[in-house]
Amino acid sequence: MYELGGACVERVISLLGLLVMMLLAWLWSSERSRINKRLIITGVLLQFVVGFVILRTTPGMWVFDLRVGGGSDRRVFRSGSRVCIRRRF
């Protein structure tokens, strides 16, 4: 993982990808004036909040471990704030 001015490049690229996808969806829309911007912003913020709760809090990680690690063919490894999911072979 590379760092650029203290910001993680991977996170910047992911955020840029999200913005580009939303821009493309807006550009290809036939009725741009009917797009509810408040709904889109609320949905994206809600997605970030749920992701934060699941990946950065103890109860969230507990639920994540139960759902992903409990009895399935996946293993969850947590290193600091990074979560890696690997398939068992």
Protein backbone atom coordinates (compact mmCIF):
# COMPACT_ATOMS: atom_id res chain seq x y z
CA MET A 1 0.00 0.00 0.00
CA TYR A 2 1.42 3.35 -1.00
CA GLU A 3 0.96 6.56 0.94
CA LEU A 4 0.68 9.99 -0.61
CA GLY A 5 0.75 12.93 1.79
CA GLY A 6 -0.65 10.85 4.66
CA ALA A 7 -3.70 9.69 2.67
CA CYS A 8 -3.92 6.10 1.57
CA VAL A 9 -3.85 5.95 -2.24
CA GLU A 10 -6.16 2.93 -2.30
CA ARG A 11 -8.87 4.84 -0.43
CA VAL A 12 -8.53 7.85 -2.72
CA ILE A 13 -8.82 5.60 -5.78
CA SER A 14 -11.91 3.89 -4.31
CA LEU A 15 -13.58 7.21 -3.56
CA LEU A 16 -12.71 8.47 -7.03
CA GLY A 17 -14.20 5.30 -8.53
CA LEU A 18 -17.44 5.84 -6.62
CA LEU A 19 -17.67 9.43 -7.83
CA VAL A 20 -16.94 8.43 -11.45
CA MET A 21 -19.64 5.71 -11.35
CA MET A 22 -22.20 8.19 -9.99
CA LEU A 23 -21.19 10.75 -12.62
CA LEU A 24 -21.56 8.20 -15.42
CA ALA A 25 -24.98 7.16 -14.12
CA TRP A 26 -26.03 10.81 -14.07
CA LEU A 27 -24.67 11.45 -17.57
CA TRP A 28 -26.48 8.43 -19.04
CA SER A 29 -29.74 9.28 -17.31
CA SER A 30 -32.53 10.32 -19.66
CA GLU A 31 -34.29 12.47 -17.06
CA ARG A 32 -31.56 14.10 -14.98
CA SER A 33 -33.92 16.57 -13.36
CA ARG A 34 -35.89 13.74 -11.71
CA ILE A 35 -32.86 12.40 -9.81
CA ASN A 36 -33.33 12.89 -6.09
CA LYS A 37 -29.92 14.12 -4.95
CA ARG A 38 -30.88 14.02 -1.29
CA LEU A 39 -31.78 10.33 -1.58
CA ILE A 40 -28.47 9.50 -3.26
CA ILE A 41 -26.40 11.42 -0.69
CA THR A 42 -28.33 9.81 2.17
CA GLY A 43 -27.82 6.33 0.70
CA VAL A 44 -24.06 6.81 0.21
CA LEU A 45 -23.64 8.23 3.73
CA LEU A 46 -25.67 5.36 5.20
CA GLN A 47 -23.45 2.90 3.36
CA PHE A 48 -20.32 4.53 4.85
CA VAL A 49 -21.84 4.50 8.35
CA VAL A 50 -22.78 0.80 8.12
CA GLY A 51 -19.31 -0.04 6.77
CA PHE A 52 -17.67 1.88 9.61
CA VAL A 53 -19.80 0.17 12.26
CA ILE A 54 -19.12 -3.30 10.86
CA LEU A 55 -15.39 -2.91 10.21
CA ARG A 56 -14.24 -0.52 12.94
CA THR A 57 -16.22 -1.37 16.08
CA THR A 58 -15.98 -4.41 18.32
CA PRO A 59 -19.68 -5.37 18.09
CA GLY A 60 -19.54 -4.93 14.32
CA MET A 61 -16.49 -7.18 14.00
CA TRP A 62 -18.21 -9.74 16.25
CA VAL A 63 -21.22 -9.85 13.91
CA PHE A 64 -18.89 -9.93 10.88
CA ASP A 65 -16.94 -12.85 12.37
CA LEU A 66 -20.17 -14.75 13.08
CA ARG A 67 -21.50 -14.15 9.59
CA VAL A 68 -18.34 -14.75 7.57
CA GLY A 69 -16.17 -16.92 9.78
CA GLY A 70 -18.72 -19.10 11.49
CA GLY A 71 -18.88 -22.43 9.73
CA SER A 72 -18.28 -21.19 6.22
CA ASP A 73 -15.33 -21.84 3.92
CA ARG A 74 -13.84 -18.41 4.60
CA ARG A 75 -11.33 -17.21 7.17
CA VAL A 76 -11.21 -13.66 8.47
CA PHE A 77 -7.90 -12.12 9.47
CA ARG A 78 -7.74 -8.74 11.17
CA SER A 79 -4.52 -6.77 11.13
CA GLY A 80 -4.92 -3.35 12.72
CA SER A 81 -7.77 -1.71 10.86
CA ARG A 82 -7.44 -3.92 7.75
CA VAL A 83 -9.68 -6.93 7.24
CA CYS A 84 -8.69 -9.69 4.83
CA ILE A 85 -11.01 -12.50 3.81
CA ARG A 86 -9.42 -15.60 2.35
CA ARG A 87 -10.98 -18.73 0.97
CA ARG A 88 -9.80 -22.01 2.43
CA PHE A 89 -8.57 -24.54 -0.07
